[in-house]
PDB file of N, CA and C in Angstrom:
ATOM      1  N   MET A   1       3.691 -18.201  19.988  1.00  0.00           N
ATOM      2  CA  MET A   1       3.778 -17.679  18.624  1.00  0.00           C
ATOM      3  C   MET A   1       4.178 -16.064  18.825  1.00  0.00           C
ATOM      4  N   PRO A   2       5.077 -15.638  18.059  1.00  0.00           N
ATOM      5  CA  PRO A   2       5.374 -14.062  17.936  1.00  0.00           C
ATOM      6  C   PRO A   2       4.092 -13.228  17.274  1.00  0.00           C
ATOM      7  N   GLU A   3       4.165 -11.962  17.760  1.00  0.00           N
ATOM      8  CA  GLU A   3       3.225 -11.087  17.082  1.00  0.00           C
ATOM      9  C   GLU A   3       3.730 -10.918  15.567  1.00  0.00           C
ATOM     10  N   PRO A   4       2.696 -10.733  14.816  1.00  0.00           N
ATOM     11  CA  PRO A   4       2.939 -10.466  13.255  1.00  0.00           C
ATOM     12  C   PRO A   4       3.691  -9.197  13.202  1.00  0.00           C
ATOM     13  N   LEU A   5       4.569  -8.910  12.242  1.00  0.00           N
ATOM     14  CA  LEU A   5       4.996  -7.367  12.042  1.00  0.00           C
ATOM     15  C   LEU A   5       4.037  -6.514  11.376  1.00  0.00           C
ATOM     16  N   ARG A   6       3.671  -5.394  11.979  1.00  0.00           N
ATOM     17  CA  ARG A   6       2.613  -4.636  11.537  1.00  0.00           C
ATOM     18  C   ARG A   6       3.321  -3.475  10.767  1.00  0.00           C
ATOM     19  N   TYR A   7       2.762  -3.284   9.637  1.00  0.00           N
ATOM     20  CA  TYR A   7       3.370  -2.274   8.623  1.00  0.00           C
ATOM     21  C   TYR A   7       2.308  -1.455   7.773  1.00  0.00           C
ATOM     22  N   LEU A   8       2.860  -0.243   7.555  1.00  0.00           N
ATOM     23  CA  LEU A   8       2.113   0.661   6.781  1.00  0.00           C
ATOM     24  C   LEU A   8       2.662   0.483   5.331  1.00  0.00           C
ATOM     25  N   SER A   9       1.740   0.281   4.444  1.00  0.00           N
ATOM     26  CA  SER A   9       1.753   0.040   2.869  1.00  0.00           C
ATOM     27  C   SER A   9       1.636   1.322   2.056  1.00  0.00           C
ATOM     28  N   LEU A  10       2.837   1.852   1.563  1.00  0.00           N
ATOM     29  CA  LEU A  10       2.644   2.981   0.843  1.00  0.00           C
ATOM     30  C   LEU A  10       2.845   2.755  -0.654  1.00  0.00           C
ATOM     31  N   CYS A  11       2.122   3.516  -1.504  1.00  0.00           N
ATOM     32  CA  CYS A  11       2.203   3.375  -2.764  1.00  0.00           C
ATOM     33  C   CYS A  11       1.951   1.909  -3.245  1.00  0.00           C
ATOM     34  N   SER A  12       0.744   1.317  -2.714  1.00  0.00           N
ATOM     35  CA  SER A  12       0.318   0.009  -2.556  1.00  0.00           C
ATOM     36  C   SER A  12       0.094  -0.847  -4.081  1.00  0.00           C
ATOM     37  N   GLY A  13      -0.233   0.080  -4.923  1.00  0.00           N
ATOM     38  CA  GLY A  13      -0.848  -0.344  -6.212  1.00  0.00           C
ATOM     39  C   GLY A  13      -2.001  -1.527  -6.005  1.00  0.00           C
ATOM     40  N   VAL A  14      -1.879  -2.617  -6.519  1.00  0.00           N
ATOM     41  CA  VAL A  14      -2.811  -3.631  -6.356  1.00  0.00           C
ATOM     42  C   VAL A  14      -2.575  -4.579  -5.245  1.00  0.00           C
ATOM     43  N   GLY A  15      -1.472  -4.402  -4.456  1.00  0.00           N
ATOM     44  CA  GLY A  15      -1.242  -5.280  -3.422  1.00  0.00           C
ATOM     45  C   GLY A  15      -0.123  -6.211  -3.536  1.00  0.00           C
ATOM     46  N   GLY A  16       0.797  -6.181  -4.532  1.00  0.00           N
ATOM     47  CA  GLY A  16       1.672  -7.102  -4.670  1.00  0.00           C
ATOM     48  C   GLY A  16       2.700  -7.205  -3.700  1.00  0.00           C
ATOM     49  N   LEU A  17       3.285  -5.958  -3.116  1.00  0.00           N
ATOM     50  CA  LEU A  17       4.137  -6.008  -1.933  1.00  0.00           C
ATOM     51  C   LEU A  17       3.161  -6.664  -0.755  1.00  0.00           C
ATOM     52  N   ASP A  18       2.127  -6.429  -0.577  1.00  0.00           N
ATOM     53  CA  ASP A  18       1.484  -6.985   0.655  1.00  0.00           C
ATOM     54  C   ASP A  18       1.177  -8.267   0.708  1.00  0.00           C
ATOM     55  N   LEU A  19       0.888  -8.856  -0.495  1.00  0.00           N
ATOM     56  CA  LEU A  19       0.706 -10.325  -0.770  1.00  0.00           C
ATOM     57  C   LEU A  19       2.230 -11.109  -0.144  1.00  0.00           C
ATOM     58  N   ALA A  20       3.440 -10.524  -0.645  1.00  0.00           N
ATOM     59  CA  ALA A  20       4.478 -10.847  -0.176  1.00  0.00           C
ATOM     60  C   ALA A  20       4.906 -10.747   1.146  1.00  0.00           C
ATOM     61  N   MET A  21       4.604  -9.647   1.876  1.00  0.00           N
ATOM     62  CA  MET A  21       4.768  -9.287   3.284  1.00  0.00           C
ATOM     63  C   MET A  21       3.750 -10.243   4.092  1.00  0.00           C
ATOM     64  N   GLN A  22       2.461 -10.418   3.643  1.00  0.00           N
ATOM     65  CA  GLN A  22       1.760 -11.435   4.620  1.00  0.00           C
ATOM     66  C   GLN A  22       2.271 -12.734   4.336  1.00  0.00           C
ATOM     67  N   SER A  23       2.727 -13.242   3.281  1.00  0.00           N
ATOM     68  CA  SER A  23       3.535 -14.568   3.121  1.00  0.00           C
ATOM     69  C   SER A  23       4.444 -14.815   4.129  1.00  0.00           C
ATOM     70  N   LEU A  24       5.130 -13.638   4.658  1.00  0.00           N
ATOM     71  CA  LEU A  24       6.139 -13.684   5.571  1.00  0.00           C
ATOM     72  C   LEU A  24       5.550 -13.315   7.150  1.00  0.00           C
ATOM     73  N   GLY A  25       4.500 -13.295   7.206  1.00  0.00           N
ATOM     74  CA  GLY A  25       3.761 -13.102   8.562  1.00  0.00           C
ATOM     75  C   GLY A  25       3.562 -11.794   8.894  1.00  0.00           C
ATOM     76  N   GLY A  26       3.650 -10.743   7.829  1.00  0.00           N
ATOM     77  CA  GLY A  26       3.322  -9.277   8.192  1.00  0.00           C
ATOM     78  C   GLY A  26       1.814  -9.167   8.250  1.00  0.00           C
ATOM     79  N   ARG A  27       1.399  -7.965   8.771  1.00  0.00           N
ATOM     80  CA  ARG A  27      -0.092  -7.601   8.931  1.00  0.00           C
ATOM     81  C   ARG A  27      -0.217  -6.151   8.639  1.00  0.00           C
ATOM     82  N   THR A  28      -0.780  -6.054   7.531  1.00  0.00           N
ATOM     83  CA  THR A  28      -1.065  -4.418   7.054  1.00  0.00           C
ATOM     84  C   THR A  28      -2.113  -3.753   7.924  1.00  0.00           C
ATOM     85  N   VAL A  29      -1.566  -2.548   8.402  1.00  0.00           N
ATOM     86  CA  VAL A  29      -2.327  -1.640   9.154  1.00  0.00           C
ATOM     87  C   VAL A  29      -2.874  -0.759   8.416  1.00  0.00           C
ATOM     88  N   ALA A  30      -2.559  -0.270   7.271  1.00  0.00           N
ATOM     89  CA  ALA A  30      -3.238   0.697   6.273  1.00  0.00           C
ATOM     90  C   ALA A  30      -2.292   0.687   5.003  1.00  0.00           C
ATOM     91  N   TYR A  31      -3.162   0.974   3.967  1.00  0.00           N
ATOM     92  CA  TYR A  31      -2.738   0.922   2.733  1.00  0.00           C
ATOM     93  C   TYR A  31      -2.818   2.597   2.417  1.00  0.00           C
ATOM     94  N   CYS A  32      -1.975   2.692   1.325  1.00  0.00           N
ATOM     95  CA  CYS A  32      -1.824   4.033   0.757  1.00  0.00           C
ATOM     96  C   CYS A  32      -1.781   3.970  -0.848  1.00  0.00           C
ATOM     97  N   GLU A  33      -2.976   4.375  -1.425  1.00  0.00           N
ATOM     98  CA  GLU A  33      -3.104   4.342  -2.733  1.00  0.00           C
ATOM     99  C   GLU A  33      -3.937   5.363  -3.153  1.00  0.00           C
ATOM    100  N   GLN A  34      -3.591   6.316  -4.262  1.00  0.00           N
ATOM    101  CA  GLN A  34      -4.512   7.244  -4.658  1.00  0.00           C
ATOM    102  C   GLN A  34      -5.266   6.815  -5.919  1.00  0.00           C
ATOM    103  N   ASP A  35      -4.725   6.207  -6.525  1.00  0.00           N
ATOM    104  CA  ASP A  35      -5.807   5.500  -7.967  1.00  0.00           C
ATOM    105  C   ASP A  35      -6.990   4.784  -7.764  1.00  0.00           C
ATOM    106  N   PRO A  36      -7.954   5.391  -8.199  1.00  0.00           N
ATOM    107  CA  PRO A  36      -9.297   4.718  -7.813  1.00  0.00           C
ATOM    108  C   PRO A  36      -9.430   3.469  -8.401  1.00  0.00           C
ATOM    109  N   TYR A  37      -8.905   2.988  -9.435  1.00  0.00           N
ATOM    110  CA  TYR A  37      -8.979   1.651  -9.969  1.00  0.00           C
ATOM    111  C   TYR A  37      -8.159   0.742  -8.981  1.00  0.00           C
ATOM    112  N   ARG A  38      -6.908   1.002  -8.752  1.00  0.00           N
ATOM    113  CA  ARG A  38      -6.181   0.212  -7.744  1.00  0.00           C
ATOM    114  C   ARG A  38      -6.669   0.152  -6.462  1.00  0.00           C
ATOM    115  N   GLN A  39      -7.385   1.110  -5.781  1.00  0.00           N
ATOM    116  CA  GLN A  39      -8.220   1.221  -4.656  1.00  0.00           C
ATOM    117  C   GLN A  39      -9.304   0.124  -4.569  1.00  0.00           C
ATOM    118  N   ALA A  40     -10.024   0.116  -5.713  1.00  0.00           N
ATOM    119  CA  ALA A  40     -10.993  -0.864  -6.025  1.00  0.00           C
ATOM    120  C   ALA A  40     -10.452  -2.450  -5.948  1.00  0.00           C
ATOM    121  N   VAL A  41      -9.150  -2.552  -6.638  1.00  0.00           N
ATOM    122  CA  VAL A  41      -8.585  -3.773  -6.513  1.00  0.00           C
ATOM    123  C   VAL A  41      -8.207  -4.217  -5.161  1.00  0.00           C
ATOM    124  N   LEU A  42      -7.731  -3.261  -4.469  1.00  0.00           N
ATOM    125  CA  LEU A  42      -7.421  -3.590  -2.997  1.00  0.00           C
ATOM    126  C   LEU A  42      -8.573  -3.970  -2.174  1.00  0.00           C
ATOM    127  N   HIS A  43      -9.692  -3.145  -2.322  1.00  0.00           N
ATOM    128  CA  HIS A  43     -11.115  -3.524  -1.613  1.00  0.00           C
ATOM    129  C   HIS A  43     -11.364  -4.956  -2.031  1.00  0.00           C
ATOM    130  N   ALA A  44     -11.349  -5.302  -3.364  1.00  0.00           N
ATOM    131  CA  ALA A  44     -11.907  -6.676  -3.781  1.00  0.00           C
ATOM    132  C   ALA A  44     -10.968  -7.539  -3.029  1.00  0.00           C
ATOM    133  N   ARG A  45      -9.676  -7.374  -3.011  1.00  0.00           N
ATOM    134  CA  ARG A  45      -8.757  -8.432  -2.531  1.00  0.00           C
ATOM    135  C   ARG A  45      -9.015  -8.452  -0.886  1.00  0.00           C
ATOM    136  N   MET A  46      -9.310  -7.419  -0.286  1.00  0.00           N
ATOM    137  CA  MET A  46      -9.828  -7.514   1.082  1.00  0.00           C
ATOM    138  C   MET A  46     -11.061  -8.243   1.202  1.00  0.00           C
ATOM    139  N   ARG A  47     -11.787  -8.129   0.499  1.00  0.00           N
ATOM    140  CA  ARG A  47     -13.134  -8.824   0.497  1.00  0.00           C
ATOM    141  C   ARG A  47     -13.074 -10.348   0.199  1.00  0.00           C
ATOM    142  N   ASP A  48     -12.267 -10.599  -0.598  1.00  0.00           N
ATOM    143  CA  ASP A  48     -11.961 -12.134  -0.826  1.00  0.00           C
ATOM    144  C   ASP A  48     -10.938 -12.607   0.019  1.00  0.00           C
ATOM    145  N   GLY A  49     -10.599 -11.884   1.137  1.00  0.00           N
ATOM    146  CA  GLY A  49      -9.625 -12.529   2.133  1.00  0.00           C
ATOM    147  C   GLY A  49      -8.209 -12.644   1.673  1.00  0.00           C
ATOM    148  N   ARG A  50      -7.798 -12.381   0.340  1.00  0.00           N
ATOM    149  CA  ARG A  50      -6.167 -12.444  -0.047  1.00  0.00           C
ATOM    150  C   ARG A  50      -5.519 -11.294   0.561  1.00  0.00           C
ATOM    151  N   LEU A  51      -6.014 -10.032   0.989  1.00  0.00           N
ATOM    152  CA  LEU A  51      -5.242  -8.975   1.697  1.00  0.00           C
ATOM    153  C   LEU A  51      -5.833  -8.879   2.985  1.00  0.00           C
ATOM    154  N   ASP A  52      -5.233  -8.237   3.846  1.00  0.00           N
ATOM    155  CA  ASP A  52      -5.580  -7.903   5.258  1.00  0.00           C
ATOM    156  C   ASP A  52      -6.503  -6.607   5.164  1.00  0.00           C
ATOM    157  N   CYS A  53      -7.657  -6.694   5.891  1.00  0.00           N
ATOM    158  CA  CYS A  53      -8.662  -5.653   5.863  1.00  0.00           C
ATOM    159  C   CYS A  53      -7.918  -4.452   6.598  1.00  0.00           C
ATOM    160  N   ALA A  54      -7.963  -3.436   6.048  1.00  0.00           N
ATOM    161  CA  ALA A  54      -7.254  -2.083   6.544  1.00  0.00           C
ATOM    162  C   ALA A  54      -7.848  -0.874   5.737  1.00  0.00           C
ATOM    163  N   PRO A  55      -7.626   0.212   6.559  1.00  0.00           N
ATOM    164  CA  PRO A  55      -8.125   1.408   5.806  1.00  0.00           C
ATOM    165  C   PRO A  55      -7.077   1.823   4.539  1.00  0.00           C
ATOM    166  N   ILE A  56      -7.703   2.531   3.580  1.00  0.00           N
ATOM    167  CA  ILE A  56      -6.739   2.963   2.439  1.00  0.00           C
ATOM    168  C   ILE A  56      -6.796   4.426   2.472  1.00  0.00           C
ATOM    169  N   TRP A  57      -5.594   4.792   2.603  1.00  0.00           N
ATOM    170  CA  TRP A  57      -5.443   6.360   2.726  1.00  0.00           C
ATOM    171  C   TRP A  57      -5.051   6.826   1.379  1.00  0.00           C
ATOM    172  N   PRO A  58      -5.786   7.942   0.888  1.00  0.00           N
ATOM    173  CA  PRO A  58      -5.943   8.068  -0.456  1.00  0.00           C
ATOM    174  C   PRO A  58      -4.968   8.759  -1.170  1.00  0.00           C
ATOM    175  N   ASP A  59      -3.897   9.427  -0.057  1.00  0.00           N
ATOM    176  CA  ASP A  59      -3.041  10.371  -0.803  1.00  0.00           C
ATOM    177  C   ASP A  59      -1.664  10.550   0.204  1.00  0.00           C
ATOM    178  N   LEU A  60      -0.780  10.135  -0.359  1.00  0.00           N
ATOM    179  CA  LEU A  60       0.541  10.204   0.624  1.00  0.00           C
ATOM    180  C   LEU A  60       0.906  11.474   0.842  1.00  0.00           C
ATOM    181  N   ARG A  61       0.581  12.555   0.259  1.00  0.00           N
ATOM    182  CA  ARG A  61       0.991  13.974   0.419  1.00  0.00           C
ATOM    183  C   ARG A  61       0.030  14.618   1.425  1.00  0.00           C
ATOM    184  N   THR A  62      -0.939  13.905   1.967  1.00  0.00           N
ATOM    185  CA  THR A  62      -1.774  14.657   2.910  1.00  0.00           C
ATOM    186  C   THR A  62      -1.401  14.413   4.450  1.00  0.00           C
ATOM    187  N   SER A  63      -0.587  13.418   4.717  1.00  0.00           N
ATOM    188  CA  SER A  63      -0.037  13.358   6.150  1.00  0.00           C
ATOM    189  C   SER A  63       1.379  13.250   6.255  1.00  0.00           C
ATOM    190  N   HIS A  64       1.643  13.391   7.595  1.00  0.00           N
ATOM    191  CA  HIS A  64       2.982  13.375   8.016  1.00  0.00           C
ATOM    192  C   HIS A  64       3.212  11.989   8.608  1.00  0.00           C
ATOM    193  N   GLY A  65       2.256  11.008   8.543  1.00  0.00           N
ATOM    194  CA  GLY A  65       2.339   9.759   9.168  1.00  0.00           C
ATOM    195  C   GLY A  65       2.203   9.626  10.724  1.00  0.00           C
ATOM    196  N   VAL A  66       2.076  10.927  11.389  1.00  0.00           N
ATOM    197  CA  VAL A  66       1.932  10.987  12.834  1.00  0.00           C
ATOM    198  C   VAL A  66       0.734  10.040  13.330  1.00  0.00           C
ATOM    199  N   GLU A  67      -0.348   9.965  12.509  1.00  0.00           N
ATOM    200  CA  GLU A  67      -1.520   9.197  12.911  1.00  0.00           C
ATOM    201  C   GLU A  67      -1.128   7.714  13.163  1.00  0.00           C
ATOM    202  N   TRP A  68       0.015   7.148  12.449  1.00  0.00           N
ATOM    203  CA  TRP A  68       0.454   5.844  12.474  1.00  0.00           C
ATOM    204  C   TRP A  68       1.452   5.537  13.534  1.00  0.00           C
ATOM    205  N   ARG A  69       2.113   6.537  14.139  1.00  0.00           N
ATOM    206  CA  ARG A  69       3.062   6.314  15.252  1.00  0.00           C
ATOM    207  C   ARG A  69       2.508   5.396  16.140  1.00  0.00           C
ATOM    208  N   GLY A  70       3.247   4.427  16.483  1.00  0.00           N
ATOM    209  CA  GLY A  70       2.988   3.447  17.593  1.00  0.00           C
ATOM    210  C   GLY A  70       2.173   2.261  17.134  1.00  0.00           C
ATOM    211  N   SER A  71       1.506   2.399  15.917  1.00  0.00           N
ATOM    212  CA  SER A  71       0.856   1.210  15.448  1.00  0.00           C
ATOM    213  C   SER A  71       1.518   0.413  14.405  1.00  0.00           C
ATOM    214  N   VAL A  72       2.705   1.073  13.850  1.00  0.00           N
ATOM    215  CA  VAL A  72       3.237   0.127  12.918  1.00  0.00           C
ATOM    216  C   VAL A  72       4.773  -0.004  13.469  1.00  0.00           C
ATOM    217  N   ASP A  73       5.301  -1.284  12.956  1.00  0.00           N
ATOM    218  CA  ASP A  73       6.676  -1.740  13.184  1.00  0.00           C
ATOM    219  C   ASP A  73       7.550  -1.167  12.038  1.00  0.00           C
ATOM    220  N   CYS A  74       7.011  -1.203  10.765  1.00  0.00           N
ATOM    221  CA  CYS A  74       7.788  -0.640   9.539  1.00  0.00           C
ATOM    222  C   CYS A  74       6.923  -0.221   8.540  1.00  0.00           C
ATOM    223  N   VAL A  75       7.535   0.325   7.479  1.00  0.00           N
ATOM    224  CA  VAL A  75       6.891   0.946   6.431  1.00  0.00           C
ATOM    225  C   VAL A  75       7.477   0.282   5.118  1.00  0.00           C
ATOM    226  N   VAL A  76       6.459  -0.168   4.131  1.00  0.00           N
ATOM    227  CA  VAL A  76       6.906  -0.829   3.187  1.00  0.00           C
ATOM    228  C   VAL A  76       6.458   0.130   1.881  1.00  0.00           C
ATOM    229  N   ALA A  77       7.207   0.045   0.870  1.00  0.00           N
ATOM    230  CA  ALA A  77       6.726   1.098  -0.048  1.00  0.00           C
ATOM    231  C   ALA A  77       7.204   0.568  -1.563  1.00  0.00           C
ATOM    232  N   ASP A  78       6.248   0.670  -2.385  1.00  0.00           N
ATOM    233  CA  ASP A  78       6.697   0.363  -3.855  1.00  0.00           C
ATOM    234  C   ASP A  78       6.773   1.815  -4.479  1.00  0.00           C
ATOM    235  N   PHE A  79       7.689   1.606  -5.458  1.00  0.00           N
ATOM    236  CA  PHE A  79       7.985   2.771  -6.247  1.00  0.00           C
ATOM    237  C   PHE A  79       6.599   3.295  -7.178  1.00  0.00           C
ATOM    238  N   PRO A  80       6.165   4.510  -7.038  1.00  0.00           N
ATOM    239  CA  PRO A  80       4.987   4.799  -7.977  1.00  0.00           C
ATOM    240  C   PRO A  80       5.150   4.505  -9.417  1.00  0.00           C
ATOM    241  N   CYS A  81       4.472   3.518  -9.771  1.00  0.00           N
ATOM    242  CA  CYS A  81       4.802   3.001 -11.298  1.00  0.00           C
ATOM    243  C   CYS A  81       4.355   3.704 -12.405  1.00  0.00           C
ATOM    244  N   PRO A  82       3.288   4.594 -12.404  1.00  0.00           N
ATOM    245  CA  PRO A  82       3.001   5.106 -13.589  1.00  0.00           C
ATOM    246  C   PRO A  82       3.700   5.962 -14.368  1.00  0.00           C
ATOM    247  N   PRO A  83       4.663   6.775 -13.785  1.00  0.00           N
ATOM    248  CA  PRO A  83       5.569   7.566 -14.253  1.00  0.00           C
ATOM    249  C   PRO A  83       6.434   6.687 -15.332  1.00  0.00           C
ATOM    250  N   PHE A  84       6.708   5.459 -14.872  1.00  0.00           N
ATOM    251  CA  PHE A  84       7.792   4.665 -15.662  1.00  0.00           C
ATOM    252  C   PHE A  84       7.149   3.664 -16.367  1.00  0.00           C
ATOM    253  N   SER A  85       5.986   3.264 -16.222  1.00  0.00           N
ATOM    254  CA  SER A  85       5.183   1.826 -16.585  1.00  0.00           C
ATOM    255  C   SER A  85       4.878   2.164 -17.970  1.00  0.00           C
ATOM    256  N   THR A  86       4.719   0.992 -18.811  1.00  0.00           N
ATOM    257  CA  THR A  86       4.334   1.208 -20.141  1.00  0.00           C
ATOM    258  C   THR A  86       2.877   1.504 -20.295  1.00  0.00           C
ATOM    259  N   ALA A  87       2.175   1.275 -19.164  1.00  0.00           N
ATOM    260  CA  ALA A  87       0.697   1.555 -19.123  1.00  0.00           C
ATOM    261  C   ALA A  87       0.560   3.138 -18.726  1.00  0.00           C
ATOM    262  N   GLY A  88       1.458   3.844 -18.362  1.00  0.00           N
ATOM    263  CA  GLY A  88       1.452   5.411 -17.964  1.00  0.00           C
ATOM    264  C   GLY A  88       1.848   6.097 -18.883  1.00  0.00           C
ATOM    265  N   LYS A  89       2.051   7.358 -18.855  1.00  0.00           N
ATOM    266  CA  LYS A  89       2.497   8.422 -19.948  1.00  0.00           C
ATOM    267  C   LYS A  89       3.919   8.356 -20.117  1.00  0.00           C
ATOM    268  N   ARG A  90       4.808   7.736 -19.149  1.00  0.00           N
ATOM    269  CA  ARG A  90       6.240   7.457 -19.218  1.00  0.00           C
ATOM    270  C   ARG A  90       6.955   8.903 -19.239  1.00  0.00           C
ATOM    271  N   LEU A  91       6.394   9.723 -18.181  1.00  0.00           N
ATOM    272  CA  LEU A  91       7.027  10.956 -18.033  1.00  0.00           C
ATOM    273  C   LEU A  91       8.137  10.918 -17.075  1.00  0.00           C
ATOM    274  N   GLY A  92       8.372   9.984 -16.498  1.00  0.00           N
ATOM    275  CA  GLY A  92       9.519   9.568 -15.562  1.00  0.00           C
ATOM    276  C   GLY A  92       9.555  10.728 -14.412  1.00  0.00           C
ATOM    277  N   ALA A  93      10.617  11.307 -14.049  1.00  0.00           N
ATOM    278  CA  ALA A  93      10.785  12.174 -13.073  1.00  0.00           C
ATOM    279  C   ALA A  93       9.872  13.462 -13.097  1.00  0.00           C
ATOM    280  N   ALA A  94       9.160  13.610 -14.167  1.00  0.00           N
ATOM    281  CA  ALA A  94       8.442  14.837 -14.619  1.00  0.00           C
ATOM    282  C   ALA A  94       7.030  14.713 -14.212  1.00  0.00           C
ATOM    283  N   ASP A  95       6.758  13.433 -14.048  1.00  0.00           N
ATOM    284  CA  ASP A  95       5.232  13.040 -13.680  1.00  0.00           C
ATOM    285  C   ASP A  95       5.061  13.555 -12.364  1.00  0.00           C
ATOM    286  N   PRO A  96       3.861  14.676 -11.964  1.00  0.00           N
ATOM    287  CA  PRO A  96       3.440  15.237 -10.736  1.00  0.00           C
ATOM    288  C   PRO A  96       2.994  13.679  -9.763  1.00  0.00           C
TER     289      PRO A  96
END
């Protein structure tokens, strides 16, 4: 059996892309999500076994990714949705 594809999940949200990657045999090495509510959802999904247990990196802007070199095969990322979501302020590209 081949080794699972190891990936870094950026802008993880509540883990939708991660569920898809896991269904394809992927293994999450780390998540990156800054929103506390979404982090709590990721933790809950890890506890109930729906997502891989892995650390949550809280801010994409605080690292160059060097610490993950050699431990991931690829990076998956969702587009940060709050600037464009109807649940957000809809500031689009002007949202920090």
